[in-house]
């Protein structure tokens, strides 16, 4: 879901990692829903990708399922 939103804004993973102030490796894990971002990074992600409450909920659900 994060990946699709990023692509719809024509942003690369590298561009997003720079905007969020994190390493490319860390962003790739977030993009692939393999890691949950820290609260400050999540806030930036929400802003950069214009995520709705529904999308945030879906993202958190997917991450939780991936960790289980």
Protein backbone atom coordinates (compact mmCIF):
# COMPACT_ATOMS: atom_id res chain seq x y z
CA UNK A 1 0.00 0.00 0.00
CA UNK A 2 2.83 2.42 0.85
CA UNK A 3 4.66 1.37 -2.31
CA UNK A 4 1.59 2.08 -4.47
CA UNK A 5 1.09 5.52 -2.93
CA UNK A 6 4.77 6.36 -3.45
CA UNK A 7 4.65 5.24 -7.08
CA UNK A 8 1.45 7.23 -7.70
CA UNK A 9 3.41 10.33 -6.68
CA UNK A 10 6.27 9.34 -9.02
CA UNK A 11 8.76 9.12 -6.15
CA UNK A 12 11.61 6.63 -5.98
CA UNK A 13 12.55 4.74 -2.84
CA UNK A 14 15.73 6.81 -2.69
CA UNK A 15 13.78 10.08 -2.88
CA UNK A 16 11.46 8.93 -0.09
CA UNK A 17 14.33 7.84 2.13
CA UNK A 18 15.88 11.30 1.70
CA UNK A 19 12.59 13.06 2.45
CA UNK A 20 12.16 10.96 5.60
CA UNK A 21 15.79 11.30 6.67
CA UNK A 22 16.41 7.56 6.88
CA UNK A 23 18.64 5.10 5.07
CA UNK A 24 17.52 3.60 1.78
CA UNK A 25 17.71 0.13 3.34
CA UNK A 26 15.39 1.17 6.16
CA UNK A 27 12.94 2.76 3.72
CA UNK A 28 12.87 -0.33 1.49
CA UNK A 29 11.79 -2.40 4.51
CA UNK A 30 9.01 0.11 5.26
CA UNK A 31 7.98 0.20 1.58
CA UNK A 32 7.73 -3.61 1.51
CA UNK A 33 5.81 -3.66 4.81
CA UNK A 34 8.60 -5.59 6.53
CA UNK A 35 9.33 -2.97 9.21
CA UNK A 36 7.26 -0.55 11.24
CA UNK A 37 8.62 3.01 11.22
CA UNK A 38 9.26 5.02 14.36
CA UNK A 39 6.50 7.47 15.26
CA UNK A 40 8.38 10.51 13.88
CA UNK A 41 9.04 8.72 10.58
CA UNK A 42 5.42 7.53 10.38
CA UNK A 43 4.23 11.14 10.75
CA UNK A 44 6.52 12.24 7.90
CA UNK A 45 5.36 9.29 5.79
CA UNK A 46 1.71 10.25 6.34
CA UNK A 47 2.45 13.82 5.29
CA UNK A 48 4.62 12.99 2.26
CA UNK A 49 2.18 10.42 0.85
CA UNK A 50 -1.07 12.13 1.93
CA UNK A 51 -2.25 8.95 3.65
CA UNK A 52 -5.85 8.77 4.84
CA UNK A 53 -6.85 7.32 8.21
CA UNK A 54 -8.15 4.24 6.38
CA UNK A 55 -4.83 3.76 4.58
CA UNK A 56 -2.89 4.18 7.83
CA UNK A 57 -5.10 1.55 9.47
CA UNK A 58 -4.59 -0.84 6.55
CA UNK A 59 -0.82 -0.30 6.67
CA UNK A 60 -0.67 -0.98 10.41
CA UNK A 61 -2.82 -4.10 9.96
CA UNK A 62 -0.52 -5.40 7.20
CA UNK A 63 2.61 -4.76 9.26
CA UNK A 64 1.08 -6.50 12.27
CA UNK A 65 0.21 -9.53 10.15
CA UNK A 66 3.74 -9.63 8.72
CA UNK A 67 5.20 -9.63 12.23
CA UNK A 68 2.90 -12.41 13.48
